[in-house]
């Protein structure tokens, strides 16, 4: 396990299990082929359903970064 993953779990930015789950989904989507359409759609639905959770992860990352550099901001469009 990388030092970065250990740190993000320690800082409660994202759990290691959830990170691995997202990484696996990302890899599946990257390597899906037309004959695996149902699995790809299921993975996309998972991503959409997880959007609010991922937004919270991004906020936590920026909050963590601001502890080291207050000039870092999260612009919202």
PDB file of N, CA and C in Angstrom:
ATOM      1  N   UNK A   1       0.856  -1.171   0.000  1.00  0.00           N
ATOM      2  CA  UNK A   1       0.000   0.000   0.000  1.00  0.00           C
ATOM      3  C   UNK A   1       0.904   1.236   0.000  1.00  0.00           C
ATOM      4  N   UNK A   2       0.536   2.216  -0.803  1.00  0.00           N
ATOM      5  CA  UNK A   2       1.373   3.410  -0.915  1.00  0.00           C
ATOM      6  C   UNK A   2       1.236   4.308   0.308  1.00  0.00           C
ATOM      7  N   UNK A   3       2.246   5.124   0.525  1.00  0.00           N
ATOM      8  CA  UNK A   3       2.222   6.067   1.641  1.00  0.00           C
ATOM      9  C   UNK A   3       1.077   7.063   1.502  1.00  0.00           C
ATOM     10  N   UNK A   4       0.762   7.422   0.264  1.00  0.00           N
ATOM     11  CA  UNK A   4      -0.326   8.377   0.022  1.00  0.00           C
ATOM     12  C   UNK A   4      -1.657   7.768   0.462  1.00  0.00           C
ATOM     13  N   UNK A   5      -1.893   6.516   0.108  1.00  0.00           N
ATOM     14  CA  UNK A   5      -3.148   5.868   0.523  1.00  0.00           C
ATOM     15  C   UNK A   5      -3.236   5.744   2.037  1.00  0.00           C
ATOM     16  N   UNK A   6      -2.124   5.449   2.668  1.00  0.00           N
ATOM     17  CA  UNK A   6      -2.114   5.371   4.129  1.00  0.00           C
ATOM     18  C   UNK A   6      -2.488   6.730   4.718  1.00  0.00           C
ATOM     19  N   UNK A   7      -1.929   7.796   4.148  1.00  0.00           N
ATOM     20  CA  UNK A   7      -2.199   9.141   4.646  1.00  0.00           C
ATOM     21  C   UNK A   7      -3.655   9.551   4.430  1.00  0.00           C
ATOM     22  N   UNK A   8      -4.204   9.292   3.234  1.00  0.00           N
ATOM     23  CA  UNK A   8      -5.585   9.729   2.997  1.00  0.00           C
ATOM     24  C   UNK A   8      -6.573   8.964   3.869  1.00  0.00           C
ATOM     25  N   UNK A   9      -6.231   7.728   4.194  1.00  0.00           N
ATOM     26  CA  UNK A   9      -7.114   6.999   5.107  1.00  0.00           C
ATOM     27  C   UNK A   9      -6.951   7.531   6.535  1.00  0.00           C
ATOM     28  N   UNK A  10      -5.725   7.786   6.937  1.00  0.00           N
ATOM     29  CA  UNK A  10      -5.464   8.329   8.281  1.00  0.00           C
ATOM     30  C   UNK A  10      -6.153   9.676   8.465  1.00  0.00           C
ATOM     31  N   UNK A  11      -6.149  10.509   7.434  1.00  0.00           N
ATOM     32  CA  UNK A  11      -6.777  11.832   7.495  1.00  0.00           C
ATOM     33  C   UNK A  11      -8.294  11.767   7.287  1.00  0.00           C
ATOM     34  N   UNK A  12      -8.819  10.562   7.117  1.00  0.00           N
ATOM     35  CA  UNK A  12     -10.251  10.315   6.908  1.00  0.00           C
ATOM     36  C   UNK A  12     -10.789  11.054   5.687  1.00  0.00           C
ATOM     37  N   UNK A  13      -9.947  11.121   4.648  1.00  0.00           N
ATOM     38  CA  UNK A  13     -10.377  11.717   3.385  1.00  0.00           C
ATOM     39  C   UNK A  13     -11.212  10.707   2.620  1.00  0.00           C
ATOM     40  N   UNK A  14     -10.744   9.481   2.563  1.00  0.00           N
ATOM     41  CA  UNK A  14     -11.488   8.387   1.939  1.00  0.00           C
ATOM     42  C   UNK A  14     -10.968   7.086   2.546  1.00  0.00           C
ATOM     43  N   UNK A  15     -11.853   6.115   2.704  1.00  0.00           N
ATOM     44  CA  UNK A  15     -11.407   4.832   3.251  1.00  0.00           C
ATOM     45  C   UNK A  15     -10.656   4.055   2.175  1.00  0.00           C
ATOM     46  N   UNK A  16      -9.720   3.257   2.598  1.00  0.00           N
ATOM     47  CA  UNK A  16      -8.938   2.456   1.662  1.00  0.00           C
ATOM     48  C   UNK A  16      -9.837   1.533   0.848  1.00  0.00           C
ATOM     49  N   UNK A  17     -10.820   0.926   1.495  1.00  0.00           N
ATOM     50  CA  UNK A  17     -11.741   0.034   0.774  1.00  0.00           C
ATOM     51  C   UNK A  17     -12.496   0.780  -0.318  1.00  0.00           C
ATOM     52  N   UNK A  18     -12.953   1.971   0.007  1.00  0.00           N
ATOM     53  CA  UNK A  18     -13.702   2.763  -0.982  1.00  0.00           C
ATOM     54  C   UNK A  18     -12.788   3.192  -2.125  1.00  0.00           C
ATOM     55  N   UNK A  19     -11.550   3.573  -1.800  1.00  0.00           N
ATOM     56  CA  UNK A  19     -10.577   3.962  -2.822  1.00  0.00           C
ATOM     57  C   UNK A  19     -10.338   2.810  -3.793  1.00  0.00           C
ATOM     58  N   UNK A  20     -10.136   1.616  -3.258  1.00  0.00           N
ATOM     59  CA  UNK A  20      -9.894   0.438  -4.101  1.00  0.00           C
ATOM     60  C   UNK A  20     -11.112   0.167  -4.975  1.00  0.00           C
ATOM     61  N   UNK A  21     -12.296   0.314  -4.399  1.00  0.00           N
ATOM     62  CA  UNK A  21     -13.535   0.113  -5.152  1.00  0.00           C
ATOM     63  C   UNK A  21     -13.619   1.095  -6.327  1.00  0.00           C
ATOM     64  N   UNK A  22     -13.345   2.373  -6.065  1.00  0.00           N
ATOM     65  CA  UNK A  22     -13.371   3.373  -7.139  1.00  0.00           C
ATOM     66  C   UNK A  22     -12.301   3.091  -8.195  1.00  0.00           C
ATOM     67  N   UNK A  23     -11.126   2.694  -7.748  1.00  0.00           N
ATOM     68  CA  UNK A  23     -10.058   2.387  -8.696  1.00  0.00           C
ATOM     69  C   UNK A  23     -10.443   1.201  -9.586  1.00  0.00           C
ATOM     70  N   UNK A  24     -11.044   0.177  -9.004  1.00  0.00           N
ATOM     71  CA  UNK A  24     -11.477  -0.983  -9.790  1.00  0.00           C
ATOM     72  C   UNK A  24     -12.541  -0.601 -10.808  1.00  0.00           C
ATOM     73  N   UNK A  25     -13.495   0.221 -10.399  1.00  0.00           N
ATOM     74  CA  UNK A  25     -14.539   0.677 -11.320  1.00  0.00           C
ATOM     75  C   UNK A  25     -13.916   1.477 -12.454  1.00  0.00           C
ATOM     76  N   UNK A  26     -12.995   2.378 -12.109  1.00  0.00           N
ATOM     77  CA  UNK A  26     -12.315   3.174 -13.132  1.00  0.00           C
ATOM     78  C   UNK A  26     -11.591   2.268 -14.124  1.00  0.00           C
ATOM     79  N   UNK A  27     -10.900   1.261 -13.620  1.00  0.00           N
ATOM     80  CA  UNK A  27     -10.188   0.338 -14.502  1.00  0.00           C
ATOM     81  C   UNK A  27     -11.148  -0.446 -15.386  1.00  0.00           C
ATOM     82  N   UNK A  28     -12.268  -0.867 -14.836  1.00  0.00           N
ATOM     83  CA  UNK A  28     -13.262  -1.589 -15.638  1.00  0.00           C
ATOM     84  C   UNK A  28     -13.800  -0.701 -16.752  1.00  0.00           C
ATOM     85  N   UNK A  29     -14.101   0.553 -16.426  1.00  0.00           N
ATOM     86  CA  UNK A  29     -14.614   1.474 -17.444  1.00  0.00           C
ATOM     87  C   UNK A  29     -13.561   1.753 -18.518  1.00  0.00           C
ATOM     88  N   UNK A  30     -12.327   1.842 -18.120  1.00  0.00           N
ATOM     89  CA  UNK A  30     -11.240   2.118 -19.066  1.00  0.00           C
ATOM     90  C   UNK A  30     -11.072   0.976 -20.066  1.00  0.00           C
ATOM     91  N   UNK A  31     -11.364  -0.235 -19.629  1.00  0.00           N
ATOM     92  CA  UNK A  31     -11.090  -1.404 -20.456  1.00  0.00           C
ATOM     93  C   UNK A  31     -12.347  -2.143 -20.909  1.00  0.00           C
ATOM     94  N   UNK A  32     -13.502  -1.491 -20.815  1.00  0.00           N
ATOM     95  CA  UNK A  32     -14.744  -2.130 -21.271  1.00  0.00           C
ATOM     96  C   UNK A  32     -14.792  -2.190 -22.791  1.00  0.00           C
ATOM     97  N   UNK A  33     -15.452  -3.194 -23.249  1.00  0.00           N
ATOM     98  CA  UNK A  33     -15.626  -3.393 -24.681  1.00  0.00           C
ATOM     99  C   UNK A  33     -17.113  -3.484 -24.976  1.00  0.00           C
ATOM    100  N   UNK A  34     -17.523  -3.279 -26.225  1.00  0.00           N
ATOM    101  CA  UNK A  34     -18.963  -3.241 -26.564  1.00  0.00           C
ATOM    102  C   UNK A  34     -19.756  -4.456 -26.083  1.00  0.00           C
ATOM    103  N   UNK A  35     -19.147  -5.623 -26.033  1.00  0.00           N
ATOM    104  CA  UNK A  35     -19.889  -6.805 -25.596  1.00  0.00           C
ATOM    105  C   UNK A  35     -20.107  -6.828 -24.077  1.00  0.00           C
ATOM    106  N   UNK A  36     -19.539  -5.871 -23.350  1.00  0.00           N
ATOM    107  CA  UNK A  36     -19.707  -5.776 -21.905  1.00  0.00           C
ATOM    108  C   UNK A  36     -20.536  -4.544 -21.528  1.00  0.00           C
ATOM    109  N   UNK A  37     -21.507  -4.235 -22.359  1.00  0.00           N
ATOM    110  CA  UNK A  37     -22.290  -3.016 -22.191  1.00  0.00           C
ATOM    111  C   UNK A  37     -23.039  -2.974 -20.858  1.00  0.00           C
ATOM    112  N   UNK A  38     -23.662  -4.074 -20.463  1.00  0.00           N
ATOM    113  CA  UNK A  38     -24.421  -4.065 -19.201  1.00  0.00           C
ATOM    114  C   UNK A  38     -23.518  -3.788 -18.008  1.00  0.00           C
ATOM    115  N   UNK A  39     -22.329  -4.368 -18.001  1.00  0.00           N
ATOM    116  CA  UNK A  39     -21.391  -4.119 -16.908  1.00  0.00           C
ATOM    117  C   UNK A  39     -20.936  -2.661 -16.922  1.00  0.00           C
ATOM    118  N   UNK A  40     -20.692  -2.119 -18.107  1.00  0.00           N
ATOM    119  CA  UNK A  40     -20.278  -0.716 -18.212  1.00  0.00           C
ATOM    120  C   UNK A  40     -21.383   0.206 -17.708  1.00  0.00           C
ATOM    121  N   UNK A  41     -22.619  -0.080 -18.060  1.00  0.00           N
ATOM    122  CA  UNK A  41     -23.738   0.734 -17.590  1.00  0.00           C
ATOM    123  C   UNK A  41     -23.891   0.647 -16.078  1.00  0.00           C
ATOM    124  N   UNK A  42     -23.678  -0.519 -15.535  1.00  0.00           N
ATOM    125  CA  UNK A  42     -23.737  -0.699 -14.092  1.00  0.00           C
ATOM    126  C   UNK A  42     -22.628   0.114 -13.410  1.00  0.00           C
ATOM    127  N   UNK A  43     -21.434   0.083 -13.981  1.00  0.00           N
ATOM    128  CA  UNK A  43     -20.324   0.860 -13.437  1.00  0.00           C
ATOM    129  C   UNK A  43     -20.603   2.361 -13.519  1.00  0.00           C
ATOM    130  N   UNK A  44     -21.170   2.811 -14.619  1.00  0.00           N
ATOM    131  CA  UNK A  44     -21.509   4.227 -14.765  1.00  0.00           C
ATOM    132  C   UNK A  44     -22.565   4.645 -13.749  1.00  0.00           C
ATOM    133  N   UNK A  45     -23.552   3.784 -13.523  1.00  0.00           N
ATOM    134  CA  UNK A  45     -24.577   4.076 -12.525  1.00  0.00           C
ATOM    135  C   UNK A  45     -23.943   4.203 -11.140  1.00  0.00           C
ATOM    136  N   UNK A  46     -22.997   3.336 -10.852  1.00  0.00           N
ATOM    137  CA  UNK A  46     -22.287   3.408  -9.576  1.00  0.00           C
ATOM    138  C   UNK A  46     -21.585   4.763  -9.437  1.00  0.00           C
ATOM    139  N   UNK A  47     -20.956   5.210 -10.512  1.00  0.00           N
ATOM    140  CA  UNK A  47     -20.264   6.508 -10.497  1.00  0.00           C
ATOM    141  C   UNK A  47     -21.245   7.650 -10.255  1.00  0.00           C
ATOM    142  N   UNK A  48     -22.360   7.624 -10.943  1.00  0.00           N
ATOM    143  CA  UNK A  48     -23.366   8.676 -10.768  1.00  0.00           C
ATOM    144  C   UNK A  48     -23.906   8.650  -9.341  1.00  0.00           C
ATOM    145  N   UNK A  49     -24.197   7.460  -8.842  1.00  0.00           N
ATOM    146  CA  UNK A  49     -24.720   7.327  -7.481  1.00  0.00           C
ATOM    147  C   UNK A  49     -23.696   7.776  -6.427  1.00  0.00           C
ATOM    148  N   UNK A  50     -22.417   7.735  -6.772  1.00  0.00           N
ATOM    149  CA  UNK A  50     -21.347   8.087  -5.837  1.00  0.00           C
ATOM    150  C   UNK A  50     -20.886   9.530  -5.972  1.00  0.00           C
ATOM    151  N   UNK A  51     -21.542  10.298  -6.809  1.00  0.00           N
ATOM    152  CA  UNK A  51     -21.079  11.658  -7.100  1.00  0.00           C
ATOM    153  C   UNK A  51     -20.973  12.523  -5.848  1.00  0.00           C
ATOM    154  N   UNK A  52     -21.982  12.514  -4.998  1.00  0.00           N
ATOM    155  CA  UNK A  52     -21.953  13.356  -3.794  1.00  0.00           C
ATOM    156  C   UNK A  52     -20.815  12.928  -2.861  1.00  0.00           C
ATOM    157  N   UNK A  53     -20.593  11.642  -2.770  1.00  0.00           N
ATOM    158  CA  UNK A  53     -19.490  11.153  -1.949  1.00  0.00           C
ATOM    159  C   UNK A  53     -18.160  11.669  -2.497  1.00  0.00           C
ATOM    160  N   UNK A  54     -17.989  11.609  -3.808  1.00  0.00           N
ATOM    161  CA  UNK A  54     -16.745  12.073  -4.420  1.00  0.00           C
ATOM    162  C   UNK A  54     -16.574  13.581  -4.265  1.00  0.00           C
ATOM    163  N   UNK A  55     -17.674  14.324  -4.313  1.00  0.00           N
ATOM    164  CA  UNK A  55     -17.595  15.768  -4.057  1.00  0.00           C
ATOM    165  C   UNK A  55     -17.042  16.026  -2.654  1.00  0.00           C
ATOM    166  N   UNK A  56     -17.506  15.246  -1.703  1.00  0.00           N
ATOM    167  CA  UNK A  56     -17.036  15.390  -0.321  1.00  0.00           C
ATOM    168  C   UNK A  56     -15.549  15.038  -0.220  1.00  0.00           C
ATOM    169  N   UNK A  57     -15.116  14.023  -0.944  1.00  0.00           N
ATOM    170  CA  UNK A  57     -13.696  13.658  -0.965  1.00  0.00           C
ATOM    171  C   UNK A  57     -12.869  14.833  -1.484  1.00  0.00           C
ATOM    172  N   UNK A  58     -13.333  15.467  -2.557  1.00  0.00           N
ATOM    173  CA  UNK A  58     -12.612  16.616  -3.124  1.00  0.00           C
ATOM    174  C   UNK A  58     -12.530  17.742  -2.094  1.00  0.00           C
ATOM    175  N   UNK A  59     -13.633  18.014  -1.396  1.00  0.00           N
ATOM    176  CA  UNK A  59     -13.609  19.058  -0.366  1.00  0.00           C
ATOM    177  C   UNK A  59     -12.584  18.735   0.725  1.00  0.00           C
ATOM    178  N   UNK A  60     -12.536  17.474   1.130  1.00  0.00           N
ATOM    179  CA  UNK A  60     -11.590  17.061   2.164  1.00  0.00           C
ATOM    180  C   UNK A  60     -10.145  17.197   1.678  1.00  0.00           C
ATOM    181  N   UNK A  61      -9.909  16.879   0.421  1.00  0.00           N
ATOM    182  CA  UNK A  61      -8.565  17.019  -0.143  1.00  0.00           C
ATOM    183  C   UNK A  61      -8.135  18.478  -0.114  1.00  0.00           C
ATOM    184  N   UNK A  62      -9.023  19.381  -0.529  1.00  0.00           N
ATOM    185  CA  UNK A  62      -8.692  20.805  -0.517  1.00  0.00           C
ATOM    186  C   UNK A  62      -8.491  21.316   0.908  1.00  0.00           C
ATOM    187  N   UNK A  63      -9.309  20.863   1.843  1.00  0.00           N
ATOM    188  CA  UNK A  63      -9.145  21.276   3.237  1.00  0.00           C
ATOM    189  C   UNK A  63      -7.791  20.805   3.767  1.00  0.00           C
ATOM    190  N   UNK A  64      -7.421  19.590   3.429  1.00  0.00           N
ATOM    191  CA  UNK A  64      -6.117  19.065   3.833  1.00  0.00           C
ATOM    192  C   UNK A  64      -4.990  19.896   3.231  1.00  0.00           C
ATOM    193  N   UNK A  65      -5.086  20.201   1.943  1.00  0.00           N
ATOM    194  CA  UNK A  65      -4.047  20.976   1.254  1.00  0.00           C
ATOM    195  C   UNK A  65      -3.932  22.383   1.829  1.00  0.00           C
ATOM    196  N   UNK A  66      -5.072  22.981   2.195  1.00  0.00           N
ATOM    197  CA  UNK A  66      -5.064  24.340   2.763  1.00  0.00           C
ATOM    198  C   UNK A  66      -4.330  24.405   4.103  1.00  0.00           C
ATOM    199  N   UNK A  67      -4.233  23.287   4.789  1.00  0.00           N
ATOM    200  CA  UNK A  67      -3.478  23.288   6.046  1.00  0.00           C
ATOM    201  C   UNK A  67      -2.001  23.582   5.788  1.00  0.00           C
ATOM    202  N   UNK A  68      -1.550  23.317   4.577  1.00  0.00           N
ATOM    203  CA  UNK A  68      -0.148  23.533   4.216  1.00  0.00           C
ATOM    204  C   UNK A  68       0.053  24.763   3.338  1.00  0.00           C
ATOM    205  N   UNK A  69      -1.006  25.196   2.670  1.00  0.00           N
ATOM    206  CA  UNK A  69      -0.905  26.367   1.795  1.00  0.00           C
ATOM    207  C   UNK A  69      -2.283  27.016   1.730  1.00  0.00           C
ATOM    208  N   UNK A  70      -2.452  28.101   2.483  1.00  0.00           N
ATOM    209  CA  UNK A  70      -3.762  28.747   2.580  1.00  0.00           C
ATOM    210  C   UNK A  70      -4.232  29.367   1.271  1.00  0.00           C
ATOM    211  N   UNK A  71      -3.334  29.507   0.304  1.00  0.00           N
ATOM    212  CA  UNK A  71      -3.739  30.106  -0.970  1.00  0.00           C
ATOM    213  C   UNK A  71      -4.496  29.118  -1.859  1.00  0.00           C
ATOM    214  N   UNK A  72      -4.487  27.842  -1.506  1.00  0.00           N
ATOM    215  CA  UNK A  72      -5.187  26.830  -2.301  1.00  0.00           C
ATOM    216  C   UNK A  72      -6.691  26.992  -2.081  1.00  0.00           C
ATOM    217  N   UNK A  73      -7.432  27.117  -3.172  1.00  0.00           N
ATOM    218  CA  UNK A  73      -8.881  27.268  -3.063  1.00  0.00           C
ATOM    219  C   UNK A  73      -9.585  26.288  -3.981  1.00  0.00           C
ATOM    220  N   UNK A  74     -10.811  26.028  -3.644  1.00  0.00           N
ATOM    221  CA  UNK A  74     -11.676  25.180  -4.455  1.00  0.00           C
ATOM    222  C   UNK A  74     -12.666  26.110  -5.143  1.00  0.00           C
ATOM    223  N   UNK A  75     -12.457  26.319  -6.419  1.00  0.00           N
ATOM    224  CA  UNK A  75     -13.394  27.208  -7.138  1.00  0.00           C
ATOM    225  C   UNK A  75     -14.635  26.422  -7.491  1.00  0.00           C
ATOM    226  N   UNK A  76     -15.767  27.060  -7.316  1.00  0.00           N
ATOM    227  CA  UNK A  76     -17.040  26.414  -7.619  1.00  0.00           C
ATOM    228  C   UNK A  76     -17.705  27.164  -8.744  1.00  0.00           C
ATOM    229  N   UNK A  77     -18.054  26.445  -9.786  1.00  0.00           N
ATOM    230  CA  UNK A  77     -18.681  27.056 -10.959  1.00  0.00           C
ATOM    231  C   UNK A  77     -20.169  26.942 -10.890  1.00  0.00           C
TER     232      UNK A  77
END
